[in-house]
Amino acid sequence: MPRFLSLIRIDESNAPAEGPSPELMQRMGELIEEMTKAGVLLDTAGLTPTAQGTRVHYEGGRLSTTDGPFTESKEVIGGYALMQAKDSAEAIEWAERFLKVHEEHWTVTCEVREIAEG
């Protein structure tokens, strides 16, 4: 079965400063448990804010590093899910279900991409 990476993109400037509500965390936990029992979810995690990150860039044979936050970025990757699904339609369905557990004040996008095997 193919594997898919769902990149969860958020707008850090609009995300609640206190983070996800306890109710959101409960709904997320229930969905994660369902996905795990279904054999779909292989791994998932949230990421720390960009203020705690570093970008490493390579261009023209030179490396440079930039410490966060990255003010030029509107959307950033806030987390990921590694899934194994029968096809892209199933992976997208799970991503849609993940987005629907969020409250209306969240702006969240999932980019679902199949992992190139071999």
PDB file of N, CA and C in Angstrom:
ATOM      1  N   MET A   1       0.845  -1.189   0.000  1.00  0.00           N
ATOM      2  CA  MET A   1       0.000   0.000   0.000  1.00  0.00           C
ATOM      3  C   MET A   1       0.882   1.241   0.000  1.00  0.00           C
ATOM      4  N   PRO A   2       0.477   2.242  -0.760  1.00  0.00           N
ATOM      5  CA  PRO A   2       1.284   3.465  -0.821  1.00  0.00           C
ATOM      6  C   PRO A   2       1.242   4.245   0.491  1.00  0.00           C
ATOM      7  N   ARG A   3       2.306   5.015   0.696  1.00  0.00           N
ATOM      8  CA  ARG A   3       2.380   5.892   1.867  1.00  0.00           C
ATOM      9  C   ARG A   3       2.222   7.333   1.414  1.00  0.00           C
ATOM     10  N   PHE A   4       1.658   8.140   2.306  1.00  0.00           N
ATOM     11  CA  PHE A   4       1.397   9.543   2.018  1.00  0.00           C
ATOM     12  C   PHE A   4       1.867  10.392   3.183  1.00  0.00           C
ATOM     13  N   LEU A   5       2.362  11.573   2.865  1.00  0.00           N
ATOM     14  CA  LEU A   5       2.742  12.538   3.883  1.00  0.00           C
ATOM     15  C   LEU A   5       1.757  13.689   3.814  1.00  0.00           C
ATOM     16  N   SER A   6       1.116  13.956   4.917  1.00  0.00           N
ATOM     17  CA  SER A   6       0.214  15.091   5.029  1.00  0.00           C
ATOM     18  C   SER A   6       0.953  16.176   5.797  1.00  0.00           C
ATOM     19  N   LEU A   7       1.217  17.287   5.121  1.00  0.00           N
ATOM     20  CA  LEU A   7       1.883  18.425   5.751  1.00  0.00           C
ATOM     21  C   LEU A   7       0.804  19.392   6.207  1.00  0.00           C
ATOM     22  N   ILE A   8       0.746  19.648   7.492  1.00  0.00           N
ATOM     23  CA  ILE A   8      -0.280  20.512   8.054  1.00  0.00           C
ATOM     24  C   ILE A   8       0.281  21.925   8.094  1.00  0.00           C
ATOM     25  N   ARG A   9      -0.323  22.803   7.305  1.00  0.00           N
ATOM     26  CA  ARG A   9       0.137  24.182   7.208  1.00  0.00           C
ATOM     27  C   ARG A   9      -0.798  25.086   8.014  1.00  0.00           C
ATOM     28  N   ILE A  10      -0.185  25.967   8.786  1.00  0.00           N
ATOM     29  CA  ILE A  10      -0.947  26.926   9.577  1.00  0.00           C
ATOM     30  C   ILE A  10      -0.393  28.324   9.341  1.00  0.00           C
ATOM     31  N   ASP A  11      -1.198  29.305   9.652  1.00  0.00           N
ATOM     32  CA  ASP A  11      -0.767  30.699   9.633  1.00  0.00           C
ATOM     33  C   ASP A  11      -0.457  31.051  11.085  1.00  0.00           C
ATOM     34  N   GLU A  12       0.819  31.086  11.430  1.00  0.00           N
ATOM     35  CA  GLU A  12       1.199  31.335  12.829  1.00  0.00           C
ATOM     36  C   GLU A  12       0.667  32.659  13.353  1.00  0.00           C
ATOM     37  N   SER A  13       0.516  33.651  12.478  1.00  0.00           N
ATOM     38  CA  SER A  13       0.047  34.954  12.940  1.00  0.00           C
ATOM     39  C   SER A  13      -1.424  34.928  13.340  1.00  0.00           C
ATOM     40  N   ASN A  14      -2.186  33.946  12.853  1.00  0.00           N
ATOM     41  CA  ASN A  14      -3.607  33.846  13.186  1.00  0.00           C
ATOM     42  C   ASN A  14      -3.931  32.700  14.134  1.00  0.00           C
ATOM     43  N   ALA A  15      -2.967  31.874  14.451  1.00  0.00           N
ATOM     44  CA  ALA A  15      -3.208  30.746  15.349  1.00  0.00           C
ATOM     45  C   ALA A  15      -3.360  31.265  16.784  1.00  0.00           C
ATOM     46  N   PRO A  16      -4.239  30.654  17.563  1.00  0.00           N
ATOM     47  CA  PRO A  16      -4.410  31.087  18.951  1.00  0.00           C
ATOM     48  C   PRO A  16      -3.090  30.998  19.728  1.00  0.00           C
ATOM     49  N   ALA A  17      -2.753  32.055  20.445  1.00  0.00           N
ATOM     50  CA  ALA A  17      -1.492  32.092  21.193  1.00  0.00           C
ATOM     51  C   ALA A  17      -1.404  30.957  22.210  1.00  0.00           C
ATOM     52  N   GLU A  18      -2.545  30.578  22.773  1.00  0.00           N
ATOM     53  CA  GLU A  18      -2.553  29.514  23.780  1.00  0.00           C
ATOM     54  C   GLU A  18      -2.517  28.124  23.161  1.00  0.00           C
ATOM     55  N   GLY A  19      -2.564  28.058  21.827  1.00  0.00           N
ATOM     56  CA  GLY A  19      -2.516  26.773  21.144  1.00  0.00           C
ATOM     57  C   GLY A  19      -3.882  26.126  21.066  1.00  0.00           C
ATOM     58  N   PRO A  20      -3.909  24.851  20.722  1.00  0.00           N
ATOM     59  CA  PRO A  20      -5.180  24.148  20.591  1.00  0.00           C
ATOM     60  C   PRO A  20      -5.922  24.051  21.924  1.00  0.00           C
ATOM     61  N   SER A  21      -7.237  24.133  21.841  1.00  0.00           N
ATOM     62  CA  SER A  21      -8.072  24.003  23.042  1.00  0.00           C
ATOM     63  C   SER A  21      -8.062  22.562  23.525  1.00  0.00           C
ATOM     64  N   PRO A  22      -8.399  22.329  24.805  1.00  0.00           N
ATOM     65  CA  PRO A  22      -8.492  20.947  25.299  1.00  0.00           C
ATOM     66  C   PRO A  22      -9.501  20.124  24.497  1.00  0.00           C
ATOM     67  N   GLU A  23     -10.593  20.760  24.057  1.00  0.00           N
ATOM     68  CA  GLU A  23     -11.596  20.043  23.266  1.00  0.00           C
ATOM     69  C   GLU A  23     -11.033  19.615  21.908  1.00  0.00           C
ATOM     70  N   LEU A  24     -10.259  20.511  21.282  1.00  0.00           N
ATOM     71  CA  LEU A  24      -9.626  20.175  20.010  1.00  0.00           C
ATOM     72  C   LEU A  24      -8.640  19.028  20.210  1.00  0.00           C
ATOM     73  N   MET A  25      -7.855  19.099  21.257  1.00  0.00           N
ATOM     74  CA  MET A  25      -6.885  18.036  21.527  1.00  0.00           C
ATOM     75  C   MET A  25      -7.596  16.700  21.753  1.00  0.00           C
ATOM     76  N   GLN A  26      -8.737  16.721  22.405  1.00  0.00           N
ATOM     77  CA  GLN A  26      -9.487  15.482  22.623  1.00  0.00           C
ATOM     78  C   GLN A  26      -9.994  14.916  21.292  1.00  0.00           C
ATOM     79  N   ARG A  27     -10.579  15.790  20.448  1.00  0.00           N
ATOM     80  CA  ARG A  27     -11.067  15.328  19.147  1.00  0.00           C
ATOM     81  C   ARG A  27      -9.915  14.806  18.282  1.00  0.00           C
ATOM     82  N   MET A  28      -8.784  15.499  18.326  1.00  0.00           N
ATOM     83  CA  MET A  28      -7.612  15.051  17.582  1.00  0.00           C
ATOM     84  C   MET A  28      -7.150  13.690  18.073  1.00  0.00           C
ATOM     85  N   GLY A  29      -7.109  13.535  19.392  1.00  0.00           N
ATOM     86  CA  GLY A  29      -6.692  12.266  19.977  1.00  0.00           C
ATOM     87  C   GLY A  29      -7.603  11.120  19.565  1.00  0.00           C
ATOM     88  N   GLU A  30      -8.900  11.379  19.540  1.00  0.00           N
ATOM     89  CA  GLU A  30      -9.856  10.344  19.127  1.00  0.00           C
ATOM     90  C   GLU A  30      -9.655   9.961  17.661  1.00  0.00           C
ATOM     91  N   LEU A  31      -9.430  10.954  16.799  1.00  0.00           N
ATOM     92  CA  LEU A  31      -9.201  10.654  15.386  1.00  0.00           C
ATOM     93  C   LEU A  31      -7.876   9.915  15.202  1.00  0.00           C
ATOM     94  N   ILE A  32      -6.856  10.324  15.906  1.00  0.00           N
ATOM     95  CA  ILE A  32      -5.552   9.655  15.822  1.00  0.00           C
ATOM     96  C   ILE A  32      -5.686   8.198  16.254  1.00  0.00           C
ATOM     97  N   GLU A  33      -6.442   7.961  17.313  1.00  0.00           N
ATOM     98  CA  GLU A  33      -6.661   6.585  17.772  1.00  0.00           C
ATOM     99  C   GLU A  33      -7.393   5.777  16.698  1.00  0.00           C
ATOM    100  N   GLU A  34      -8.412   6.371  16.084  1.00  0.00           N
ATOM    101  CA  GLU A  34      -9.162   5.682  15.024  1.00  0.00           C
ATOM    102  C   GLU A  34      -8.254   5.359  13.834  1.00  0.00           C
ATOM    103  N   MET A  35      -7.436   6.317  13.435  1.00  0.00           N
ATOM    104  CA  MET A  35      -6.534   6.107  12.307  1.00  0.00           C
ATOM    105  C   MET A  35      -5.490   5.037  12.619  1.00  0.00           C
ATOM    106  N   THR A  36      -5.014   5.024  13.859  1.00  0.00           N
ATOM    107  CA  THR A  36      -4.028   4.023  14.268  1.00  0.00           C
ATOM    108  C   THR A  36      -4.649   2.629  14.243  1.00  0.00           C
ATOM    109  N   LYS A  37      -5.853   2.493  14.813  1.00  0.00           N
ATOM    110  CA  LYS A  37      -6.539   1.196  14.820  1.00  0.00           C
ATOM    111  C   LYS A  37      -6.854   0.709  13.408  1.00  0.00           C
ATOM    112  N   ALA A  38      -7.123   1.648  12.491  1.00  0.00           N
ATOM    113  CA  ALA A  38      -7.414   1.290  11.102  1.00  0.00           C
ATOM    114  C   ALA A  38      -6.146   0.919  10.328  1.00  0.00           C
ATOM    115  N   GLY A  39      -4.976   1.107  10.943  1.00  0.00           N
ATOM    116  CA  GLY A  39      -3.715   0.784  10.286  1.00  0.00           C
ATOM    117  C   GLY A  39      -3.273   1.831   9.279  1.00  0.00           C
ATOM    118  N   VAL A  40      -3.871   3.013   9.324  1.00  0.00           N
ATOM    119  CA  VAL A  40      -3.565   4.080   8.376  1.00  0.00           C
ATOM    120  C   VAL A  40      -2.435   4.969   8.878  1.00  0.00           C
ATOM    121  N   LEU A  41      -2.480   5.327  10.148  1.00  0.00           N
ATOM    122  CA  LEU A  41      -1.521   6.289  10.695  1.00  0.00           C
ATOM    123  C   LEU A  41      -0.239   5.590  11.120  1.00  0.00           C
ATOM    124  N   LEU A  42       0.868   5.988  10.523  1.00  0.00           N
ATOM    125  CA  LEU A  42       2.173   5.436  10.860  1.00  0.00           C
ATOM    126  C   LEU A  42       2.914   6.317  11.851  1.00  0.00           C
ATOM    127  N   ASP A  43       2.735   7.649  11.733  1.00  0.00           N
ATOM    128  CA  ASP A  43       3.397   8.585  12.638  1.00  0.00           C
ATOM    129  C   ASP A  43       2.741   9.951  12.472  1.00  0.00           C
ATOM    130  N   THR A  44       2.736  10.731  13.529  1.00  0.00           N
ATOM    131  CA  THR A  44       2.224  12.090  13.466  1.00  0.00           C
ATOM    132  C   THR A  44       2.834  12.904  14.597  1.00  0.00           C
ATOM    133  N   ALA A  45       2.965  14.203  14.377  1.00  0.00           N
ATOM    134  CA  ALA A  45       3.465  15.091  15.424  1.00  0.00           C
ATOM    135  C   ALA A  45       3.232  16.535  15.010  1.00  0.00           C
ATOM    136  N   GLY A  46       3.131  17.386  16.002  1.00  0.00           N
ATOM    137  CA  GLY A  46       3.122  18.817  15.784  1.00  0.00           C
ATOM    138  C   GLY A  46       4.545  19.319  15.862  1.00  0.00           C
ATOM    139  N   LEU A  47       4.783  20.482  15.311  1.00  0.00           N
ATOM    140  CA  LEU A  47       6.117  21.072  15.330  1.00  0.00           C
ATOM    141  C   LEU A  47       6.127  22.327  16.189  1.00  0.00           C
ATOM    142  N   THR A  48       7.287  22.645  16.739  1.00  0.00           N
ATOM    143  CA  THR A  48       7.429  23.865  17.528  1.00  0.00           C
ATOM    144  C   THR A  48       7.298  25.076  16.607  1.00  0.00           C
ATOM    145  N   PRO A  49       7.004  26.252  17.149  1.00  0.00           N
ATOM    146  CA  PRO A  49       6.872  27.460  16.318  1.00  0.00           C
ATOM    147  C   PRO A  49       8.165  27.782  15.570  1.00  0.00           C
ATOM    148  N   THR A  50       8.012  28.506  14.466  1.00  0.00           N
ATOM    149  CA  THR A  50       9.190  28.857  13.663  1.00  0.00           C
ATOM    150  C   THR A  50      10.192  29.697  14.447  1.00  0.00           C
ATOM    151  N   ALA A  51       9.741  30.379  15.486  1.00  0.00           N
ATOM    152  CA  ALA A  51      10.662  31.163  16.316  1.00  0.00           C
ATOM    153  C   ALA A  51      11.737  30.278  16.933  1.00  0.00           C
ATOM    154  N   GLN A  52      11.454  28.996  17.048  1.00  0.00           N
ATOM    155  CA  GLN A  52      12.410  28.052  17.633  1.00  0.00           C
ATOM    156  C   GLN A  52      13.148  27.239  16.571  1.00  0.00           C
ATOM    157  N   GLY A  53      12.967  27.593  15.292  1.00  0.00           N
ATOM    158  CA  GLY A  53      13.570  26.830  14.203  1.00  0.00           C
ATOM    159  C   GLY A  53      14.724  27.559  13.545  1.00  0.00           C
ATOM    160  N   THR A  54      15.422  26.858  12.687  1.00  0.00           N
ATOM    161  CA  THR A  54      16.518  27.401  11.891  1.00  0.00           C
ATOM    162  C   THR A  54      16.372  26.877  10.470  1.00  0.00           C
ATOM    163  N   ARG A  55      16.551  27.749   9.506  1.00  0.00           N
ATOM    164  CA  ARG A  55      16.567  27.346   8.102  1.00  0.00           C
ATOM    165  C   ARG A  55      18.000  27.265   7.635  1.00  0.00           C
ATOM    166  N   VAL A  56      18.298  26.197   6.913  1.00  0.00           N
ATOM    167  CA  VAL A  56      19.612  26.019   6.297  1.00  0.00           C
ATOM    168  C   VAL A  56      19.395  26.086   4.790  1.00  0.00           C
ATOM    169  N   HIS A  57      20.114  26.989   4.141  1.00  0.00           N
ATOM    170  CA  HIS A  57      19.929  27.249   2.712  1.00  0.00           C
ATOM    171  C   HIS A  57      21.232  26.978   1.978  1.00  0.00           C
ATOM    172  N   TYR A  58      21.128  26.358   0.797  1.00  0.00           N
ATOM    173  CA  TYR A  58      22.290  26.087  -0.046  1.00  0.00           C
ATOM    174  C   TYR A  58      22.067  26.735  -1.398  1.00  0.00           C
ATOM    175  N   GLU A  59      22.997  27.581  -1.809  1.00  0.00           N
ATOM    176  CA  GLU A  59      22.902  28.245  -3.108  1.00  0.00           C
ATOM    177  C   GLU A  59      24.293  28.649  -3.564  1.00  0.00           C
ATOM    178  N   GLY A  60      24.583  28.400  -4.825  1.00  0.00           N
ATOM    179  CA  GLY A  60      25.869  28.810  -5.385  1.00  0.00           C
ATOM    180  C   GLY A  60      27.052  28.187  -4.668  1.00  0.00           C
ATOM    181  N   GLY A  61      26.875  26.992  -4.138  1.00  0.00           N
ATOM    182  CA  GLY A  61      27.962  26.310  -3.447  1.00  0.00           C
ATOM    183  C   GLY A  61      28.186  26.774  -2.024  1.00  0.00           C
ATOM    184  N   ARG A  62      27.309  27.652  -1.523  1.00  0.00           N
ATOM    185  CA  ARG A  62      27.481  28.169  -0.158  1.00  0.00           C
ATOM    186  C   ARG A  62      26.273  27.845   0.715  1.00  0.00           C
ATOM    187  N   LEU A  63      26.532  27.599   1.971  1.00  0.00           N
ATOM    188  CA  LEU A  63      25.489  27.364   2.961  1.00  0.00           C
ATOM    189  C   LEU A  63      25.261  28.617   3.795  1.00  0.00           C
ATOM    190  N   SER A  64      24.026  28.850   4.157  1.00  0.00           N
ATOM    191  CA  SER A  64      23.724  29.920   5.105  1.00  0.00           C
ATOM    192  C   SER A  64      22.636  29.414   6.038  1.00  0.00           C
ATOM    193  N   THR A  65      22.604  29.952   7.244  1.00  0.00           N
ATOM    194  CA  THR A  65      21.566  29.590   8.210  1.00  0.00           C
ATOM    195  C   THR A  65      20.864  30.857   8.681  1.00  0.00           C
ATOM    196  N   THR A  66      19.566  30.703   8.927  1.00  0.00           N
ATOM    197  CA  THR A  66      18.758  31.806   9.425  1.00  0.00           C
ATOM    198  C   THR A  66      17.927  31.286  10.585  1.00  0.00           C
ATOM    199  N   ASP A  67      18.019  31.950  11.725  1.00  0.00           N
ATOM    200  CA  ASP A  67      17.207  31.573  12.877  1.00  0.00           C
ATOM    201  C   ASP A  67      15.814  32.167  12.738  1.00  0.00           C
ATOM    202  N   GLY A  68      14.812  31.426  13.219  1.00  0.00           N
ATOM    203  CA  GLY A  68      13.431  31.900  13.185  1.00  0.00           C
ATOM    204  C   GLY A  68      13.219  32.990  14.214  1.00  0.00           C
ATOM    205  N   PRO A  69      12.091  33.662  14.174  1.00  0.00           N
ATOM    206  CA  PRO A  69      10.948  33.364  13.305  1.00  0.00           C
ATOM    207  C   PRO A  69      11.192  33.857  11.886  1.00  0.00           C
ATOM    208  N   PHE A  70      10.450  33.278  10.956  1.00  0.00           N
ATOM    209  CA  PHE A  70      10.611  33.596   9.548  1.00  0.00           C
ATOM    210  C   PHE A  70       9.449  34.492   9.124  1.00  0.00           C
ATOM    211  N   THR A  71       9.633  35.786   9.248  1.00  0.00           N
ATOM    212  CA  THR A  71       8.553  36.748   9.054  1.00  0.00           C
ATOM    213  C   THR A  71       8.019  36.775   7.631  1.00  0.00           C
ATOM    214  N   GLU A  72       8.822  36.347   6.662  1.00  0.00           N
ATOM    215  CA  GLU A  72       8.347  36.375   5.276  1.00  0.00           C
ATOM    216  C   GLU A  72       7.406  35.219   4.967  1.00  0.00           C
ATOM    217  N   SER A  73       7.238  34.294   5.889  1.00  0.00           N
ATOM    218  CA  SER A  73       6.381  33.136   5.664  1.00  0.00           C
ATOM    219  C   SER A  73       4.995  33.390   6.229  1.00  0.00           C
ATOM    220  N   LYS A  74       3.986  33.261   5.383  1.00  0.00           N
ATOM    221  CA  LYS A  74       2.616  33.373   5.871  1.00  0.00           C
ATOM    222  C   LYS A  74       2.172  32.022   6.423  1.00  0.00           C
ATOM    223  N   GLU A  75       2.264  30.987   5.599  1.00  0.00           N
ATOM    224  CA  GLU A  75       1.917  29.644   6.043  1.00  0.00           C
ATOM    225  C   GLU A  75       3.189  28.882   6.359  1.00  0.00           C
ATOM    226  N   VAL A  76       3.173  28.156   7.472  1.00  0.00           N
ATOM    227  CA  VAL A  76       4.317  27.333   7.849  1.00  0.00           C
ATOM    228  C   VAL A  76       3.808  25.932   8.177  1.00  0.00           C
ATOM    229  N   ILE A  77       4.697  24.974   8.155  1.00  0.00           N
ATOM    230  CA  ILE A  77       4.317  23.611   8.506  1.00  0.00           C
ATOM    231  C   ILE A  77       4.226  23.519  10.022  1.00  0.00           C
ATOM    232  N   GLY A  78       3.030  23.212  10.497  1.00  0.00           N
ATOM    233  CA  GLY A  78       2.787  23.118  11.934  1.00  0.00           C
ATOM    234  C   GLY A  78       2.810  21.692  12.445  1.00  0.00           C
ATOM    235  N   GLY A  79       2.805  20.727  11.532  1.00  0.00           N
ATOM    236  CA  GLY A  79       2.824  19.329  11.920  1.00  0.00           C
ATOM    237  C   GLY A  79       2.744  18.454  10.683  1.00  0.00           C
ATOM    238  N   TYR A  80       2.710  17.155  10.911  1.00  0.00           N
ATOM    239  CA  TYR A  80       2.658  16.219   9.794  1.00  0.00           C
ATOM    240  C   TYR A  80       1.964  14.937  10.238  1.00  0.00           C
ATOM    241  N   ALA A  81       1.529  14.177   9.255  1.00  0.00           N
ATOM    242  CA  ALA A  81       1.024  12.831   9.491  1.00  0.00           C
ATOM    243  C   ALA A  81       1.556  11.948   8.377  1.00  0.00           C
ATOM    244  N   LEU A  82       2.129  10.833   8.753  1.00  0.00           N
ATOM    245  CA  LEU A  82       2.590   9.833   7.795  1.00  0.00           C
ATOM    246  C   LEU A  82       1.538   8.731   7.776  1.00  0.00           C
ATOM    247  N   MET A  83       0.922   8.544   6.604  1.00  0.00           N
ATOM    248  CA  MET A  83      -0.186   7.596   6.489  1.00  0.00           C
ATOM    249  C   MET A  83       0.123   6.529   5.448  1.00  0.00           C
ATOM    250  N   GLN A  84      -0.511   5.379   5.632  1.00  0.00           N
ATOM    251  CA  GLN A  84      -0.484   4.309   4.639  1.00  0.00           C
ATOM    252  C   GLN A  84      -1.931   4.057   4.252  1.00  0.00           C
ATOM    253  N   ALA A  85      -2.274   4.325   3.008  1.00  0.00           N
ATOM    254  CA  ALA A  85      -3.657   4.220   2.568  1.00  0.00           C
ATOM    255  C   ALA A  85      -3.710   3.453   1.249  1.00  0.00           C
ATOM    256  N   LYS A  86      -4.905   2.974   0.915  1.00  0.00           N
ATOM    257  CA  LYS A  86      -5.030   2.199  -0.329  1.00  0.00           C
ATOM    258  C   LYS A  86      -4.809   3.056  -1.571  1.00  0.00           C
ATOM    259  N   ASP A  87      -5.139   4.363  -1.471  1.00  0.00           N
ATOM    260  CA  ASP A  87      -4.938   5.274  -2.597  1.00  0.00           C
ATOM    261  C   ASP A  87      -5.008   6.715  -2.093  1.00  0.00           C
ATOM    262  N   SER A  88      -4.783   7.666  -3.006  1.00  0.00           N
ATOM    263  CA  SER A  88      -4.768   9.064  -2.613  1.00  0.00           C
ATOM    264  C   SER A  88      -6.141   9.531  -2.135  1.00  0.00           C
ATOM    265  N   ALA A  89      -7.208   8.978  -2.691  1.00  0.00           N
ATOM    266  CA  ALA A  89      -8.555   9.374  -2.263  1.00  0.00           C
ATOM    267  C   ALA A  89      -8.763   9.072  -0.775  1.00  0.00           C
ATOM    268  N   GLU A  90      -8.292   7.922  -0.322  1.00  0.00           N
ATOM    269  CA  GLU A  90      -8.431   7.579   1.099  1.00  0.00           C
ATOM    270  C   GLU A  90      -7.563   8.505   1.957  1.00  0.00           C
ATOM    271  N   ALA A  91      -6.342   8.781   1.522  1.00  0.00           N
ATOM    272  CA  ALA A  91      -5.460   9.672   2.282  1.00  0.00           C
ATOM    273  C   ALA A  91      -6.066  11.066   2.391  1.00  0.00           C
ATOM    274  N   ILE A  92      -6.667  11.546   1.308  1.00  0.00           N
ATOM    275  CA  ILE A  92      -7.306  12.866   1.318  1.00  0.00           C
ATOM    276  C   ILE A  92      -8.510  12.868   2.249  1.00  0.00           C
ATOM    277  N   GLU A  93      -9.261  11.777   2.253  1.00  0.00           N
ATOM    278  CA  GLU A  93     -10.417  11.676   3.150  1.00  0.00           C
ATOM    279  C   GLU A  93      -9.994  11.802   4.615  1.00  0.00           C
ATOM    280  N   TRP A  94      -8.909  11.143   4.991  1.00  0.00           N
ATOM    281  CA  TRP A  94      -8.408  11.255   6.371  1.00  0.00           C
ATOM    282  C   TRP A  94      -7.944  12.680   6.657  1.00  0.00           C
ATOM    283  N   ALA A  95      -7.287  13.310   5.695  1.00  0.00           N
ATOM    284  CA  ALA A  95      -6.830  14.701   5.884  1.00  0.00           C
ATOM    285  C   ALA A  95      -8.025  15.626   6.081  1.00  0.00           C
ATOM    286  N   GLU A  96      -9.078  15.419   5.322  1.00  0.00           N
ATOM    287  CA  GLU A  96     -10.287  16.230   5.476  1.00  0.00           C
ATOM    288  C   GLU A  96     -10.891  16.040   6.867  1.00  0.00           C
ATOM    289  N   ARG A  97     -10.924  14.816   7.328  1.00  0.00           N
ATOM    290  CA  ARG A  97     -11.463  14.546   8.669  1.00  0.00           C
ATOM    291  C   ARG A  97     -10.618  15.233   9.735  1.00  0.00           C
ATOM    292  N   PHE A  98      -9.293  15.256   9.534  1.00  0.00           N
ATOM    293  CA  PHE A  98      -8.416  15.944  10.489  1.00  0.00           C
ATOM    294  C   PHE A  98      -8.731  17.436  10.521  1.00  0.00           C
ATOM    295  N   LEU A  99      -8.916  18.043   9.360  1.00  0.00           N
ATOM    296  CA  LEU A  99      -9.218  19.479   9.321  1.00  0.00           C
ATOM    297  C   LEU A  99     -10.542  19.783  10.005  1.00  0.00           C
ATOM    298  N   LYS A 100     -11.518  18.907   9.865  1.00  0.00           N
ATOM    299  CA  LYS A 100     -12.848  19.150  10.418  1.00  0.00           C
ATOM    300  C   LYS A 100     -12.901  19.091  11.939  1.00  0.00           C
ATOM    301  N   VAL A 101     -11.884  18.546  12.614  1.00  0.00           N
ATOM    302  CA  VAL A 101     -11.898  18.535  14.080  1.00  0.00           C
ATOM    303  C   VAL A 101     -11.551  19.913  14.651  1.00  0.00           C
ATOM    304  N   HIS A 102     -11.007  20.801  13.835  1.00  0.00           N
ATOM    305  CA  HIS A 102     -10.618  22.146  14.289  1.00  0.00           C
ATOM    306  C   HIS A 102     -11.833  23.056  14.445  1.00  0.00           C
ATOM    307  N   GLU A 103     -11.716  23.999  15.378  1.00  0.00           N
ATOM    308  CA  GLU A 103     -12.753  25.014  15.530  1.00  0.00           C
ATOM    309  C   GLU A 103     -12.705  25.971  14.340  1.00  0.00           C
ATOM    310  N   GLU A 104     -13.788  26.729  14.142  1.00  0.00           N
ATOM    311  CA  GLU A 104     -13.899  27.605  12.980  1.00  0.00           C
ATOM    312  C   GLU A 104     -12.857  28.722  12.940  1.00  0.00           C
ATOM    313  N   HIS A 105     -12.304  29.126  14.092  1.00  0.00           N
ATOM    314  CA  HIS A 105     -11.338  30.232  14.071  1.00  0.00           C
ATOM    315  C   HIS A 105      -9.949  29.799  13.580  1.00  0.00           C
ATOM    316  N   TRP A 106      -9.725  28.508  13.366  1.00  0.00           N
ATOM    317  CA  TRP A 106      -8.452  28.024  12.835  1.00  0.00           C
ATOM    318  C   TRP A 106      -8.445  28.137  11.316  1.00  0.00           C
ATOM    319  N   THR A 107      -7.278  28.449  10.757  1.00  0.00           N
ATOM    320  CA  THR A 107      -7.047  28.356   9.322  1.00  0.00           C
ATOM    321  C   THR A 107      -5.950  27.318   9.133  1.00  0.00           C
ATOM    322  N   VAL A 108      -6.331  26.172   8.607  1.00  0.00           N
ATOM    323  CA  VAL A 108      -5.412  25.033   8.494  1.00  0.00           C
ATOM    324  C   VAL A 108      -5.538  24.447   7.086  1.00  0.00           C
ATOM    325  N   THR A 109      -4.403  24.089   6.504  1.00  0.00           N
ATOM    326  CA  THR A 109      -4.361  23.459   5.193  1.00  0.00           C
ATOM    327  C   THR A 109      -3.531  22.183   5.305  1.00  0.00           C
ATOM    328  N   CYS A 110      -4.000  21.116   4.683  1.00  0.00           N
ATOM    329  CA  CYS A 110      -3.208  19.884   4.598  1.00  0.00           C
ATOM    330  C   CYS A 110      -2.783  19.681   3.161  1.00  0.00           C
ATOM    331  N   GLU A 111      -1.500  19.530   2.960  1.00  0.00           N
ATOM    332  CA  GLU A 111      -0.979  19.161   1.652  1.00  0.00           C
ATOM    333  C   GLU A 111      -0.672  17.672   1.711  1.00  0.00           C
ATOM    334  N   VAL A 112      -1.372  16.876   0.905  1.00  0.00           N
ATOM    335  CA  VAL A 112      -1.209  15.420   0.915  1.00  0.00           C
ATOM    336  C   VAL A 112      -0.397  15.031  -0.314  1.00  0.00           C
ATOM    337  N   ARG A 113       0.714  14.342  -0.069  1.00  0.00           N
ATOM    338  CA  ARG A 113       1.580  13.925  -1.176  1.00  0.00           C
ATOM    339  C   ARG A 113       2.000  12.486  -0.992  1.00  0.00           C
ATOM    340  N   GLU A 114       1.967  11.739  -2.082  1.00  0.00           N
ATOM    341  CA  GLU A 114       2.403  10.352  -2.029  1.00  0.00           C
ATOM    342  C   GLU A 114       3.926  10.304  -1.934  1.00  0.00           C
ATOM    343  N   ILE A 115       4.415   9.381  -1.153  1.00  0.00           N
ATOM    344  CA  ILE A 115       5.858   9.198  -1.007  1.00  0.00           C
ATOM    345  C   ILE A 115       6.357   8.351  -2.173  1.00  0.00           C
ATOM    346  N   ALA A 116       7.358   8.836  -2.876  1.00  0.00           N
ATOM    347  CA  ALA A 116       7.943   8.099  -4.003  1.00  0.00           C
ATOM    348  C   ALA A 116       8.742   6.931  -3.427  1.00  0.00           C
ATOM    349  N   GLU A 117       8.323   5.731  -3.740  1.00  0.00           N
ATOM    350  CA  GLU A 117       8.999   4.536  -3.240  1.00  0.00           C
ATOM    351  C   GLU A 117      10.061   4.082  -4.229  1.00  0.00           C
ATOM    352  N   GLY A 118      11.133   3.532  -3.665  1.00  0.00           N
ATOM    353  CA  GLY A 118      12.153   2.925  -4.500  1.00  0.00           C
ATOM    354  C   GLY A 118      13.038   3.907  -5.105  1.00  0.00           C
TER     355      GLY A 118
END
